[in-house]
Amino acid sequence: MWRIDFSLRDRATGQPVICGGSMQTGSYLLAGTETAVRDTFASTMHGAGRTMSRTQAKRAIRGEQLQQQMQQQGIMVKAVSMSGLAEEAGFAYKNISDVVASVDRAGITKVVAELRPIGNIKG
């Protein structure tokens, strides 16, 4: 059986995990658990996951429109290309809160903090 030890620093709180959502919806800071070490080789989710391809997202919204929506939500955006920005629209990803809740309920991770975006740079 595999055994992965947390560092001494992380043992009391769990291994830190940054779980990315989308630039529009935010991310989470999680802590890994001993259950994850035992049941999943100390792995957990690493992101929300896409619900549509980049091409589908670009067909669904224009970058300028998305930038305006995000600014209305209080999220500043700087993008090299508006087409690239459209690829990353929040609706192109699964609901990060639902995905995080599932790994929390499974005991694989514990939620430490929900992170909300205030600015994004899309290169």
PDB file of N, CA and C in Angstrom:
ATOM      1  N   MET A   1       0.842  -1.181   0.000  1.00  0.00           N
ATOM      2  CA  MET A   1       0.000   0.000   0.000  1.00  0.00           C
ATOM      3  C   MET A   1       0.878   1.232   0.000  1.00  0.00           C
ATOM      4  N   TRP A   2       0.480   2.236  -0.755  1.00  0.00           N
ATOM      5  CA  TRP A   2       1.201   3.501  -0.823  1.00  0.00           C
ATOM      6  C   TRP A   2       0.994   4.294   0.450  1.00  0.00           C
ATOM      7  N   ARG A   3       1.986   5.006   0.852  1.00  0.00           N
ATOM      8  CA  ARG A   3       1.859   5.899   1.999  1.00  0.00           C
ATOM      9  C   ARG A   3       2.585   7.189   1.657  1.00  0.00           C
ATOM     10  N   ILE A   4       1.838   8.260   1.608  1.00  0.00           N
ATOM     11  CA  ILE A   4       2.415   9.570   1.335  1.00  0.00           C
ATOM     12  C   ILE A   4       2.250  10.391   2.597  1.00  0.00           C
ATOM     13  N   ASP A   5       3.356  10.815   3.172  1.00  0.00           N
ATOM     14  CA  ASP A   5       3.284  11.595   4.400  1.00  0.00           C
ATOM     15  C   ASP A   5       3.223  13.072   4.090  1.00  0.00           C
ATOM     16  N   PHE A   6       2.360  13.767   4.807  1.00  0.00           N
ATOM     17  CA  PHE A   6       2.352  15.222   4.756  1.00  0.00           C
ATOM     18  C   PHE A   6       3.638  15.709   5.399  1.00  0.00           C
ATOM     19  N   SER A   7       4.113  16.858   4.992  1.00  0.00           N
ATOM     20  CA  SER A   7       5.264  17.433   5.680  1.00  0.00           C
ATOM     21  C   SER A   7       4.844  17.755   7.108  1.00  0.00           C
ATOM     22  N   LEU A   8       5.801  17.878   7.992  1.00  0.00           N
ATOM     23  CA  LEU A   8       5.484  18.212   9.382  1.00  0.00           C
ATOM     24  C   LEU A   8       4.694  19.504   9.465  1.00  0.00           C
ATOM     25  N   ARG A   9       5.030  20.453   8.612  1.00  0.00           N
ATOM     26  CA  ARG A   9       4.367  21.760   8.590  1.00  0.00           C
ATOM     27  C   ARG A   9       2.886  21.605   8.267  1.00  0.00           C
ATOM     28  N   ASP A  10       2.528  20.690   7.370  1.00  0.00           N
ATOM     29  CA  ASP A  10       1.146  20.546   6.899  1.00  0.00           C
ATOM     30  C   ASP A  10       0.348  19.495   7.660  1.00  0.00           C
ATOM     31  N   ARG A  11       1.006  18.723   8.487  1.00  0.00           N
ATOM     32  CA  ARG A  11       0.335  17.585   9.104  1.00  0.00           C
ATOM     33  C   ARG A  11      -0.875  17.979   9.946  1.00  0.00           C
ATOM     34  N   ALA A  12      -0.793  19.077  10.655  1.00  0.00           N
ATOM     35  CA  ALA A  12      -1.904  19.485  11.530  1.00  0.00           C
ATOM     36  C   ALA A  12      -3.085  20.047  10.750  1.00  0.00           C
ATOM     37  N   THR A  13      -2.823  20.675   9.624  1.00  0.00           N
ATOM     38  CA  THR A  13      -3.901  21.338   8.884  1.00  0.00           C
ATOM     39  C   THR A  13      -4.283  20.637   7.598  1.00  0.00           C
ATOM     40  N   GLY A  14      -3.416  19.804   7.073  1.00  0.00           N
ATOM     41  CA  GLY A  14      -3.648  19.157   5.783  1.00  0.00           C
ATOM     42  C   GLY A  14      -2.861  19.833   4.687  1.00  0.00           C
ATOM     43  N   GLN A  15      -2.571  19.078   3.645  1.00  0.00           N
ATOM     44  CA  GLN A  15      -1.811  19.589   2.506  1.00  0.00           C
ATOM     45  C   GLN A  15      -2.601  20.695   1.812  1.00  0.00           C
ATOM     46  N   PRO A  16      -2.009  21.872   1.600  1.00  0.00           N
ATOM     47  CA  PRO A  16      -2.745  22.942   0.902  1.00  0.00           C
ATOM     48  C   PRO A  16      -3.029  22.571  -0.560  1.00  0.00           C
ATOM     49  N   VAL A  17      -4.214  22.929  -1.020  1.00  0.00           N
ATOM     50  CA  VAL A  17      -4.631  22.669  -2.399  1.00  0.00           C
ATOM     51  C   VAL A  17      -5.285  23.936  -2.937  1.00  0.00           C
ATOM     52  N   ILE A  18      -4.789  24.448  -4.045  1.00  0.00           N
ATOM     53  CA  ILE A  18      -5.459  25.567  -4.712  1.00  0.00           C
ATOM     54  C   ILE A  18      -6.263  24.971  -5.852  1.00  0.00           C
ATOM     55  N   CYS A  19      -7.560  25.218  -5.840  1.00  0.00           N
ATOM     56  CA  CYS A  19      -8.455  24.639  -6.831  1.00  0.00           C
ATOM     57  C   CYS A  19      -9.054  25.753  -7.672  1.00  0.00           C
ATOM     58  N   GLY A  20      -8.635  25.828  -8.920  1.00  0.00           N
ATOM     59  CA  GLY A  20      -9.081  26.890  -9.809  1.00  0.00           C
ATOM     60  C   GLY A  20     -10.474  26.662 -10.377  1.00  0.00           C
ATOM     61  N   GLY A  21     -11.252  27.719 -10.377  1.00  0.00           N
ATOM     62  CA  GLY A  21     -12.563  27.702 -11.019  1.00  0.00           C
ATOM     63  C   GLY A  21     -12.423  28.364 -12.378  1.00  0.00           C
ATOM     64  N   SER A  22     -12.922  29.563 -12.487  1.00  0.00           N
ATOM     65  CA  SER A  22     -12.738  30.337 -13.710  1.00  0.00           C
ATOM     66  C   SER A  22     -12.381  31.758 -13.314  1.00  0.00           C
ATOM     67  N   MET A  23     -11.906  32.522 -14.271  1.00  0.00           N
ATOM     68  CA  MET A  23     -11.520  33.903 -13.969  1.00  0.00           C
ATOM     69  C   MET A  23     -12.735  34.753 -13.631  1.00  0.00           C
ATOM     70  N   GLN A  24     -13.906  34.239 -13.889  1.00  0.00           N
ATOM     71  CA  GLN A  24     -15.144  34.968 -13.622  1.00  0.00           C
ATOM     72  C   GLN A  24     -15.809  34.528 -12.320  1.00  0.00           C
ATOM     73  N   THR A  25     -15.619  33.275 -11.929  1.00  0.00           N
ATOM     74  CA  THR A  25     -16.338  32.746 -10.775  1.00  0.00           C
ATOM     75  C   THR A  25     -15.494  32.552  -9.535  1.00  0.00           C
ATOM     76  N   GLY A  26     -14.197  32.521  -9.650  1.00  0.00           N
ATOM     77  CA  GLY A  26     -13.339  32.377  -8.487  1.00  0.00           C
ATOM     78  C   GLY A  26     -12.763  30.990  -8.320  1.00  0.00           C
ATOM     79  N   SER A  27     -12.107  30.786  -7.196  1.00  0.00           N
ATOM     80  CA  SER A  27     -11.386  29.558  -6.889  1.00  0.00           C
ATOM     81  C   SER A  27     -11.544  29.250  -5.413  1.00  0.00           C
ATOM     82  N   TYR A  28     -10.908  28.163  -4.981  1.00  0.00           N
ATOM     83  CA  TYR A  28     -10.968  27.763  -3.580  1.00  0.00           C
ATOM     84  C   TYR A  28      -9.580  27.391  -3.084  1.00  0.00           C
ATOM     85  N   LEU A  29      -9.368  27.598  -1.803  1.00  0.00           N
ATOM     86  CA  LEU A  29      -8.215  27.071  -1.102  1.00  0.00           C
ATOM     87  C   LEU A  29      -8.758  25.922  -0.266  1.00  0.00           C
ATOM     88  N   LEU A  30      -8.172  24.751  -0.439  1.00  0.00           N
ATOM     89  CA  LEU A  30      -8.617  23.547   0.251  1.00  0.00           C
ATOM     90  C   LEU A  30      -7.459  22.967   1.054  1.00  0.00           C
ATOM     91  N   ALA A  31      -7.773  22.043   1.945  1.00  0.00           N
ATOM     92  CA  ALA A  31      -6.745  21.301   2.677  1.00  0.00           C
ATOM     93  C   ALA A  31      -7.007  19.823   2.476  1.00  0.00           C
ATOM     94  N   GLY A  32      -5.961  19.102   2.085  1.00  0.00           N
ATOM     95  CA  GLY A  32      -6.071  17.663   1.899  1.00  0.00           C
ATOM     96  C   GLY A  32      -6.262  16.966   3.239  1.00  0.00           C
ATOM     97  N   THR A  33      -6.765  15.752   3.196  1.00  0.00           N
ATOM     98  CA  THR A  33      -7.074  15.013   4.418  1.00  0.00           C
ATOM     99  C   THR A  33      -6.372  13.657   4.417  1.00  0.00           C
ATOM    100  N   GLU A  34      -6.357  13.028   5.565  1.00  0.00           N
ATOM    101  CA  GLU A  34      -5.821  11.667   5.662  1.00  0.00           C
ATOM    102  C   GLU A  34      -6.669  10.701   4.837  1.00  0.00           C
ATOM    103  N   THR A  35      -7.966  10.986   4.694  1.00  0.00           N
ATOM    104  CA  THR A  35      -8.827  10.151   3.848  1.00  0.00           C
ATOM    105  C   THR A  35      -8.311  10.156   2.413  1.00  0.00           C
ATOM    106  N   ALA A  36      -7.892  11.319   1.936  1.00  0.00           N
ATOM    107  CA  ALA A  36      -7.341  11.399   0.580  1.00  0.00           C
ATOM    108  C   ALA A  36      -6.052  10.605   0.471  1.00  0.00           C
ATOM    109  N   VAL A  37      -5.216  10.664   1.493  1.00  0.00           N
ATOM    110  CA  VAL A  37      -3.964   9.887   1.483  1.00  0.00           C
ATOM    111  C   VAL A  37      -4.290   8.410   1.374  1.00  0.00           C
ATOM    112  N   ARG A  38      -5.250   7.970   2.145  1.00  0.00           N
ATOM    113  CA  ARG A  38      -5.613   6.551   2.193  1.00  0.00           C
ATOM    114  C   ARG A  38      -6.352   6.090   0.925  1.00  0.00           C
ATOM    115  N   ASP A  39      -7.302   6.913   0.433  1.00  0.00           N
ATOM    116  CA  ASP A  39      -8.211   6.447  -0.615  1.00  0.00           C
ATOM    117  C   ASP A  39      -7.870   6.909  -2.036  1.00  0.00           C
ATOM    118  N   THR A  40      -7.151   8.010  -2.175  1.00  0.00           N
ATOM    119  CA  THR A  40      -6.936   8.558  -3.519  1.00  0.00           C
ATOM    120  C   THR A  40      -5.465   8.860  -3.817  1.00  0.00           C
ATOM    121  N   PHE A  41      -4.547   8.192  -3.098  1.00  0.00           N
ATOM    122  CA  PHE A  41      -3.109   8.452  -3.273  1.00  0.00           C
ATOM    123  C   PHE A  41      -2.792   9.930  -3.068  1.00  0.00           C
ATOM    124  N   ALA A  42      -3.501  10.551  -2.136  1.00  0.00           N
ATOM    125  CA  ALA A  42      -3.312  11.960  -1.753  1.00  0.00           C
ATOM    126  C   ALA A  42      -3.605  12.915  -2.899  1.00  0.00           C
ATOM    127  N   SER A  43      -4.551  12.541  -3.753  1.00  0.00           N
ATOM    128  CA  SER A  43      -4.911  13.453  -4.844  1.00  0.00           C
ATOM    129  C   SER A  43      -6.347  13.938  -4.648  1.00  0.00           C
ATOM    130  N   THR A  44      -6.632  15.045  -5.289  1.00  0.00           N
ATOM    131  CA  THR A  44      -7.973  15.600  -5.261  1.00  0.00           C
ATOM    132  C   THR A  44      -8.175  16.373  -6.554  1.00  0.00           C
ATOM    133  N   MET A  45      -9.271  17.057  -6.659  1.00  0.00           N
ATOM    134  CA  MET A  45      -9.538  17.854  -7.857  1.00  0.00           C
ATOM    135  C   MET A  45      -8.496  18.962  -7.973  1.00  0.00           C
ATOM    136  N   HIS A  46      -8.237  19.404  -9.168  1.00  0.00           N
ATOM    137  CA  HIS A  46      -7.304  20.516  -9.366  1.00  0.00           C
ATOM    138  C   HIS A  46      -7.955  21.660 -10.122  1.00  0.00           C
ATOM    139  N   GLY A  47      -9.229  21.539 -10.420  1.00  0.00           N
ATOM    140  CA  GLY A  47      -9.934  22.614 -11.101  1.00  0.00           C
ATOM    141  C   GLY A  47     -11.375  22.232 -11.355  1.00  0.00           C
ATOM    142  N   ALA A  48     -12.154  23.212 -11.782  1.00  0.00           N
ATOM    143  CA  ALA A  48     -13.585  22.997 -11.990  1.00  0.00           C
ATOM    144  C   ALA A  48     -13.851  22.063 -13.162  1.00  0.00           C
ATOM    145  N   GLY A  49     -13.082  22.183 -14.213  1.00  0.00           N
ATOM    146  CA  GLY A  49     -13.333  21.402 -15.417  1.00  0.00           C
ATOM    147  C   GLY A  49     -14.266  22.142 -16.358  1.00  0.00           C
ATOM    148  N   ARG A  50     -14.017  21.993 -17.633  1.00  0.00           N
ATOM    149  CA  ARG A  50     -14.807  22.693 -18.643  1.00  0.00           C
ATOM    150  C   ARG A  50     -16.100  21.953 -18.946  1.00  0.00           C
ATOM    151  N   THR A  51     -17.129  22.717 -19.298  1.00  0.00           N
ATOM    152  CA  THR A  51     -18.390  22.133 -19.764  1.00  0.00           C
ATOM    153  C   THR A  51     -18.538  22.306 -21.262  1.00  0.00           C
ATOM    154  N   MET A  52     -17.706  23.160 -21.840  1.00  0.00           N
ATOM    155  CA  MET A  52     -17.745  23.361 -23.296  1.00  0.00           C
ATOM    156  C   MET A  52     -16.342  23.670 -23.799  1.00  0.00           C
ATOM    157  N   SER A  53     -16.143  23.414 -25.061  1.00  0.00           N
ATOM    158  CA  SER A  53     -14.825  23.660 -25.659  1.00  0.00           C
ATOM    159  C   SER A  53     -14.567  25.161 -25.778  1.00  0.00           C
ATOM    160  N   ARG A  54     -13.326  25.504 -26.005  1.00  0.00           N
ATOM    161  CA  ARG A  54     -12.950  26.909 -26.206  1.00  0.00           C
ATOM    162  C   ARG A  54     -13.684  27.485 -27.426  1.00  0.00           C
ATOM    163  N   THR A  55     -13.804  26.683 -28.475  1.00  0.00           N
ATOM    164  CA  THR A  55     -14.502  27.132 -29.687  1.00  0.00           C
ATOM    165  C   THR A  55     -15.972  27.396 -29.393  1.00  0.00           C
ATOM    166  N   GLN A  56     -16.609  26.503 -28.638  1.00  0.00           N
ATOM    167  CA  GLN A  56     -18.019  26.712 -28.280  1.00  0.00           C
ATOM    168  C   GLN A  56     -18.191  27.982 -27.455  1.00  0.00           C
ATOM    169  N   ALA A  57     -17.275  28.214 -26.529  1.00  0.00           N
ATOM    170  CA  ALA A  57     -17.363  29.421 -25.692  1.00  0.00           C
ATOM    171  C   ALA A  57     -17.231  30.675 -26.555  1.00  0.00           C
ATOM    172  N   LYS A  58     -16.314  30.665 -27.515  1.00  0.00           N
ATOM    173  CA  LYS A  58     -16.139  31.835 -28.395  1.00  0.00           C
ATOM    174  C   LYS A  58     -17.366  32.077 -29.258  1.00  0.00           C
ATOM    175  N   ARG A  59     -18.085  31.002 -29.594  1.00  0.00           N
ATOM    176  CA  ARG A  59     -19.323  31.167 -30.370  1.00  0.00           C
ATOM    177  C   ARG A  59     -20.447  31.727 -29.506  1.00  0.00           C
ATOM    178  N   ALA A  60     -20.378  31.459 -28.204  1.00  0.00           N
ATOM    179  CA  ALA A  60     -21.462  31.844 -27.297  1.00  0.00           C
ATOM    180  C   ALA A  60     -21.366  33.291 -26.817  1.00  0.00           C
ATOM    181  N   ILE A  61     -20.159  33.861 -26.798  1.00  0.00           N
ATOM    182  CA  ILE A  61     -20.002  35.228 -26.299  1.00  0.00           C
ATOM    183  C   ILE A  61     -18.782  35.881 -26.940  1.00  0.00           C
ATOM    184  N   ARG A  62     -18.889  37.170 -27.157  1.00  0.00           N
ATOM    185  CA  ARG A  62     -17.752  37.936 -27.668  1.00  0.00           C
ATOM    186  C   ARG A  62     -16.928  38.422 -26.481  1.00  0.00           C
ATOM    187  N   GLY A  63     -15.635  38.508 -26.667  1.00  0.00           N
ATOM    188  CA  GLY A  63     -14.743  38.922 -25.603  1.00  0.00           C
ATOM    189  C   GLY A  63     -15.086  40.280 -25.025  1.00  0.00           C
ATOM    190  N   GLU A  64     -15.442  41.221 -25.888  1.00  0.00           N
ATOM    191  CA  GLU A  64     -15.798  42.564 -25.420  1.00  0.00           C
ATOM    192  C   GLU A  64     -17.017  42.528 -24.498  1.00  0.00           C
ATOM    193  N   GLN A  65     -17.987  41.691 -24.869  1.00  0.00           N
ATOM    194  CA  GLN A  65     -19.198  41.539 -24.064  1.00  0.00           C
ATOM    195  C   GLN A  65     -18.855  40.924 -22.699  1.00  0.00           C
ATOM    196  N   LEU A  66     -18.007  39.902 -22.696  1.00  0.00           N
ATOM    197  CA  LEU A  66     -17.598  39.261 -21.448  1.00  0.00           C
ATOM    198  C   LEU A  66     -16.824  40.241 -20.568  1.00  0.00           C
ATOM    199  N   GLN A  67     -15.932  41.010 -21.180  1.00  0.00           N
ATOM    200  CA  GLN A  67     -15.160  41.989 -20.423  1.00  0.00           C
ATOM    201  C   GLN A  67     -16.090  43.000 -19.743  1.00  0.00           C
ATOM    202  N   GLN A  68     -17.087  43.447 -20.464  1.00  0.00           N
ATOM    203  CA  GLN A  68     -18.051  44.401 -19.909  1.00  0.00           C
ATOM    204  C   GLN A  68     -18.834  43.767 -18.751  1.00  0.00           C
ATOM    205  N   GLN A  69     -19.290  42.521 -18.923  1.00  0.00           N
ATOM    206  CA  GLN A  69     -20.011  41.829 -17.861  1.00  0.00           C
ATOM    207  C   GLN A  69     -19.148  41.704 -16.599  1.00  0.00           C
ATOM    208  N   MET A  70     -17.889  41.331 -16.803  1.00  0.00           N
ATOM    209  CA  MET A  70     -16.995  41.148 -15.668  1.00  0.00           C
ATOM    210  C   MET A  70     -16.732  42.473 -14.962  1.00  0.00           C
ATOM    211  N   GLN A  71     -16.573  43.526 -15.725  1.00  0.00           N
ATOM    212  CA  GLN A  71     -16.353  44.831 -15.111  1.00  0.00           C
ATOM    213  C   GLN A  71     -17.577  45.263 -14.310  1.00  0.00           C
ATOM    214  N   GLN A  72     -18.774  44.919 -14.791  1.00  0.00           N
ATOM    215  CA  GLN A  72     -19.997  45.220 -14.049  1.00  0.00           C
ATOM    216  C   GLN A  72     -20.065  44.412 -12.747  1.00  0.00           C
ATOM    217  N   GLN A  73     -19.399  43.264 -12.718  1.00  0.00           N
ATOM    218  CA  GLN A  73     -19.327  42.439 -11.512  1.00  0.00           C
ATOM    219  C   GLN A  73     -18.194  42.904 -10.593  1.00  0.00           C
ATOM    220  N   GLY A  74     -17.473  43.932 -10.994  1.00  0.00           N
ATOM    221  CA  GLY A  74     -16.365  44.434 -10.188  1.00  0.00           C
ATOM    222  C   GLY A  74     -15.058  43.709 -10.423  1.00  0.00           C
ATOM    223  N   ILE A  75     -14.944  42.994 -11.537  1.00  0.00           N
ATOM    224  CA  ILE A  75     -13.732  42.248 -11.871  1.00  0.00           C
ATOM    225  C   ILE A  75     -13.013  42.971 -13.009  1.00  0.00           C
ATOM    226  N   MET A  76     -11.834  43.483 -12.731  1.00  0.00           N
ATOM    227  CA  MET A  76     -11.047  44.158 -13.766  1.00  0.00           C
ATOM    228  C   MET A  76     -10.391  43.116 -14.657  1.00  0.00           C
ATOM    229  N   VAL A  77     -10.343  43.394 -15.960  1.00  0.00           N
ATOM    230  CA  VAL A  77      -9.822  42.427 -16.921  1.00  0.00           C
ATOM    231  C   VAL A  77      -8.874  43.116 -17.897  1.00  0.00           C
ATOM    232  N   LYS A  78      -7.737  42.497 -18.123  1.00  0.00           N
ATOM    233  CA  LYS A  78      -6.789  42.927 -19.153  1.00  0.00           C
ATOM    234  C   LYS A  78      -6.507  41.705 -20.012  1.00  0.00           C
ATOM    235  N   ALA A  79      -6.774  41.799 -21.307  1.00  0.00           N
ATOM    236  CA  ALA A  79      -6.592  40.656 -22.199  1.00  0.00           C
ATOM    237  C   ALA A  79      -5.804  41.060 -23.424  1.00  0.00           C
ATOM    238  N   VAL A  80      -4.929  40.161 -23.873  1.00  0.00           N
ATOM    239  CA  VAL A  80      -4.180  40.388 -25.101  1.00  0.00           C
ATOM    240  C   VAL A  80      -5.131  40.341 -26.296  1.00  0.00           C
ATOM    241  N   SER A  81      -6.072  39.371 -26.261  1.00  0.00           N
ATOM    242  CA  SER A  81      -7.046  39.274 -27.355  1.00  0.00           C
ATOM    243  C   SER A  81      -8.431  39.017 -26.777  1.00  0.00           C
ATOM    244  N   MET A  82      -9.417  39.604 -27.376  1.00  0.00           N
ATOM    245  CA  MET A  82     -10.800  39.419 -26.934  1.00  0.00           C
ATOM    246  C   MET A  82     -11.281  37.998 -27.238  1.00  0.00           C
ATOM    247  N   SER A  83     -10.761  37.404 -28.288  1.00  0.00           N
ATOM    248  CA  SER A  83     -11.101  36.028 -28.620  1.00  0.00           C
ATOM    249  C   SER A  83     -10.602  35.087 -27.519  1.00  0.00           C
ATOM    250  N   GLY A  84      -9.384  35.313 -27.049  1.00  0.00           N
ATOM    251  CA  GLY A  84      -8.828  34.516 -25.962  1.00  0.00           C
ATOM    252  C   GLY A  84      -9.603  34.695 -24.671  1.00  0.00           C
ATOM    253  N   LEU A  85     -10.086  35.891 -24.435  1.00  0.00           N
ATOM    254  CA  LEU A  85     -10.887  36.165 -23.248  1.00  0.00           C
ATOM    255  C   LEU A  85     -12.197  35.375 -23.297  1.00  0.00           C
ATOM    256  N   ALA A  86     -12.853  35.374 -24.445  1.00  0.00           N
ATOM    257  CA  ALA A  86     -14.133  34.675 -24.599  1.00  0.00           C
ATOM    258  C   ALA A  86     -14.001  33.179 -24.293  1.00  0.00           C
ATOM    259  N   GLU A  87     -12.853  32.591 -24.597  1.00  0.00           N
ATOM    260  CA  GLU A  87     -12.620  31.163 -24.341  1.00  0.00           C
ATOM    261  C   GLU A  87     -12.746  30.815 -22.867  1.00  0.00           C
ATOM    262  N   GLU A  88     -12.507  31.786 -22.005  1.00  0.00           N
ATOM    263  CA  GLU A  88     -12.446  31.549 -20.566  1.00  0.00           C
ATOM    264  C   GLU A  88     -13.695  32.008 -19.812  1.00  0.00           C
ATOM    265  N   ALA A  89     -14.785  32.236 -20.512  1.00  0.00           N
ATOM    266  CA  ALA A  89     -16.025  32.678 -19.872  1.00  0.00           C
ATOM    267  C   ALA A  89     -16.424  31.713 -18.760  1.00  0.00           C
ATOM    268  N   GLY A  90     -16.949  32.253 -17.679  1.00  0.00           N
ATOM    269  CA  GLY A  90     -17.328  31.430 -16.531  1.00  0.00           C
ATOM    270  C   GLY A  90     -18.294  30.307 -16.861  1.00  0.00           C
ATOM    271  N   PHE A  91     -19.227  30.540 -17.782  1.00  0.00           N
ATOM    272  CA  PHE A  91     -20.211  29.508 -18.121  1.00  0.00           C
ATOM    273  C   PHE A  91     -19.603  28.339 -18.882  1.00  0.00           C
ATOM    274  N   ALA A  92     -18.361  28.462 -19.327  1.00  0.00           N
ATOM    275  CA  ALA A  92     -17.683  27.373 -20.041  1.00  0.00           C
ATOM    276  C   ALA A  92     -17.112  26.338 -19.076  1.00  0.00           C
ATOM    277  N   TYR A  93     -17.267  26.589 -17.765  1.00  0.00           N
ATOM    278  CA  TYR A  93     -16.744  25.703 -16.728  1.00  0.00           C
ATOM    279  C   TYR A  93     -17.864  25.186 -15.843  1.00  0.00           C
ATOM    280  N   LYS A  94     -17.624  24.048 -15.195  1.00  0.00           N
ATOM    281  CA  LYS A  94     -18.571  23.531 -14.205  1.00  0.00           C
ATOM    282  C   LYS A  94     -18.658  24.522 -13.052  1.00  0.00           C
ATOM    283  N   ASN A  95     -19.709  24.443 -12.297  1.00  0.00           N
ATOM    284  CA  ASN A  95     -19.872  25.280 -11.119  1.00  0.00           C
ATOM    285  C   ASN A  95     -18.847  24.831 -10.074  1.00  0.00           C
ATOM    286  N   ILE A  96     -17.861  25.676  -9.816  1.00  0.00           N
ATOM    287  CA  ILE A  96     -16.757  25.315  -8.918  1.00  0.00           C
ATOM    288  C   ILE A  96     -17.266  24.977  -7.520  1.00  0.00           C
ATOM    289  N   SER A  97     -18.275  25.678  -7.045  1.00  0.00           N
ATOM    290  CA  SER A  97     -18.796  25.418  -5.697  1.00  0.00           C
ATOM    291  C   SER A  97     -19.396  24.019  -5.592  1.00  0.00           C
ATOM    292  N   ASP A  98     -20.074  23.574  -6.634  1.00  0.00           N
ATOM    293  CA  ASP A  98     -20.655  22.228  -6.636  1.00  0.00           C
ATOM    294  C   ASP A  98     -19.563  21.162  -6.648  1.00  0.00           C
ATOM    295  N   VAL A  99     -18.527  21.375  -7.452  1.00  0.00           N
ATOM    296  CA  VAL A  99     -17.440  20.399  -7.546  1.00  0.00           C
ATOM    297  C   VAL A  99     -16.686  20.327  -6.223  1.00  0.00           C
ATOM    298  N   VAL A 100     -16.398  21.477  -5.636  1.00  0.00           N
ATOM    299  CA  VAL A 100     -15.704  21.508  -4.340  1.00  0.00           C
ATOM    300  C   VAL A 100     -16.556  20.842  -3.263  1.00  0.00           C
ATOM    301  N   ALA A 101     -17.847  21.098  -3.269  1.00  0.00           N
ATOM    302  CA  ALA A 101     -18.733  20.479  -2.276  1.00  0.00           C
ATOM    303  C   ALA A 101     -18.681  18.961  -2.367  1.00  0.00           C
ATOM    304  N   SER A 102     -18.535  18.431  -3.571  1.00  0.00           N
ATOM    305  CA  SER A 102     -18.514  16.969  -3.720  1.00  0.00           C
ATOM    306  C   SER A 102     -17.256  16.356  -3.101  1.00  0.00           C
ATOM    307  N   VAL A 103     -16.095  16.987  -3.265  1.00  0.00           N
ATOM    308  CA  VAL A 103     -14.877  16.426  -2.657  1.00  0.00           C
ATOM    309  C   VAL A 103     -14.844  16.686  -1.155  1.00  0.00           C
ATOM    310  N   ASP A 104     -15.492  17.751  -0.720  1.00  0.00           N
ATOM    311  CA  ASP A 104     -15.605  18.016   0.716  1.00  0.00           C
ATOM    312  C   ASP A 104     -16.497  16.954   1.372  1.00  0.00           C
ATOM    313  N   ARG A 105     -17.651  16.675   0.752  1.00  0.00           N
ATOM    314  CA  ARG A 105     -18.560  15.641   1.291  1.00  0.00           C
ATOM    315  C   ARG A 105     -17.894  14.271   1.306  1.00  0.00           C
ATOM    316  N   ALA A 106     -17.053  14.005   0.302  1.00  0.00           N
ATOM    317  CA  ALA A 106     -16.358  12.715   0.229  1.00  0.00           C
ATOM    318  C   ALA A 106     -15.235  12.609   1.257  1.00  0.00           C
ATOM    319  N   GLY A 107     -14.895  13.731   1.901  1.00  0.00           N
ATOM    320  CA  GLY A 107     -13.849  13.713   2.919  1.00  0.00           C
ATOM    321  C   GLY A 107     -12.444  13.784   2.357  1.00  0.00           C
ATOM    322  N   ILE A 108     -12.328  14.065   1.060  1.00  0.00           N
ATOM    323  CA  ILE A 108     -11.010  14.125   0.412  1.00  0.00           C
ATOM    324  C   ILE A 108     -10.305  15.440   0.713  1.00  0.00           C
ATOM    325  N   THR A 109     -11.076  16.500   0.839  1.00  0.00           N
ATOM    326  CA  THR A 109     -10.514  17.805   1.180  1.00  0.00           C
ATOM    327  C   THR A 109     -11.461  18.523   2.127  1.00  0.00           C
ATOM    328  N   LYS A 110     -10.928  19.554   2.760  1.00  0.00           N
ATOM    329  CA  LYS A 110     -11.733  20.450   3.592  1.00  0.00           C
ATOM    330  C   LYS A 110     -11.630  21.843   2.969  1.00  0.00           C
ATOM    331  N   VAL A 111     -12.728  22.554   2.930  1.00  0.00           N
ATOM    332  CA  VAL A 111     -12.711  23.920   2.416  1.00  0.00           C
ATOM    333  C   VAL A 111     -12.067  24.821   3.461  1.00  0.00           C
ATOM    334  N   VAL A 112     -11.084  25.608   3.019  1.00  0.00           N
ATOM    335  CA  VAL A 112     -10.428  26.579   3.883  1.00  0.00           C
ATOM    336  C   VAL A 112     -10.959  27.976   3.571  1.00  0.00           C
ATOM    337  N   ALA A 113     -11.007  28.312   2.267  1.00  0.00           N
ATOM    338  CA  ALA A 113     -11.470  29.649   1.876  1.00  0.00           C
ATOM    339  C   ALA A 113     -11.971  29.630   0.442  1.00  0.00           C
ATOM    340  N   GLU A 114     -12.975  30.442   0.199  1.00  0.00           N
ATOM    341  CA  GLU A 114     -13.466  30.681  -1.165  1.00  0.00           C
ATOM    342  C   GLU A 114     -12.825  31.980  -1.634  1.00  0.00           C
ATOM    343  N   LEU A 115     -12.256  31.970  -2.815  1.00  0.00           N
ATOM    344  CA  LEU A 115     -11.552  33.130  -3.357  1.00  0.00           C
ATOM    345  C   LEU A 115     -12.362  33.731  -4.498  1.00  0.00           C
ATOM    346  N   ARG A 116     -12.637  35.015  -4.427  1.00  0.00           N
ATOM    347  CA  ARG A 116     -13.401  35.712  -5.459  1.00  0.00           C
ATOM    348  C   ARG A 116     -12.463  36.603  -6.271  1.00  0.00           C
ATOM    349  N   PRO A 117     -12.628  36.589  -7.591  1.00  0.00           N
ATOM    350  CA  PRO A 117     -11.724  37.400  -8.425  1.00  0.00           C
ATOM    351  C   PRO A 117     -12.004  38.892  -8.331  1.00  0.00           C
ATOM    352  N   ILE A 118     -10.940  39.657  -8.359  1.00  0.00           N
ATOM    353  CA  ILE A 118     -11.068  41.126  -8.445  1.00  0.00           C
ATOM    354  C   ILE A 118     -10.341  41.643  -9.677  1.00  0.00           C
ATOM    355  N   GLY A 119      -9.490  40.799 -10.254  1.00  0.00           N
ATOM    356  CA  GLY A 119      -8.772  41.199 -11.457  1.00  0.00           C
ATOM    357  C   GLY A 119      -8.181  39.980 -12.149  1.00  0.00           C
ATOM    358  N   ASN A 120      -8.059  40.076 -13.471  1.00  0.00           N
ATOM    359  CA  ASN A 120      -7.504  38.986 -14.270  1.00  0.00           C
ATOM    360  C   ASN A 120      -6.663  39.555 -15.390  1.00  0.00           C
ATOM    361  N   ILE A 121      -5.591  38.849 -15.697  1.00  0.00           N
ATOM    362  CA  ILE A 121      -4.781  39.165 -16.863  1.00  0.00           C
ATOM    363  C   ILE A 121      -4.772  37.917 -17.722  1.00  0.00           C
ATOM    364  N   LYS A 122      -5.281  38.022 -18.923  1.00  0.00           N
ATOM    365  CA  LYS A 122      -5.345  36.878 -19.839  1.00  0.00           C
ATOM    366  C   LYS A 122      -4.333  37.122 -20.952  1.00  0.00           C
ATOM    367  N   GLY A 123      -3.278  36.305 -20.957  1.00  0.00           N
ATOM    368  CA  GLY A 123      -2.192  36.477 -21.931  1.00  0.00           C
ATOM    369  C   GLY A 123      -2.396  35.713 -23.190  1.00  0.00           C
TER     370      GLY A 123
END
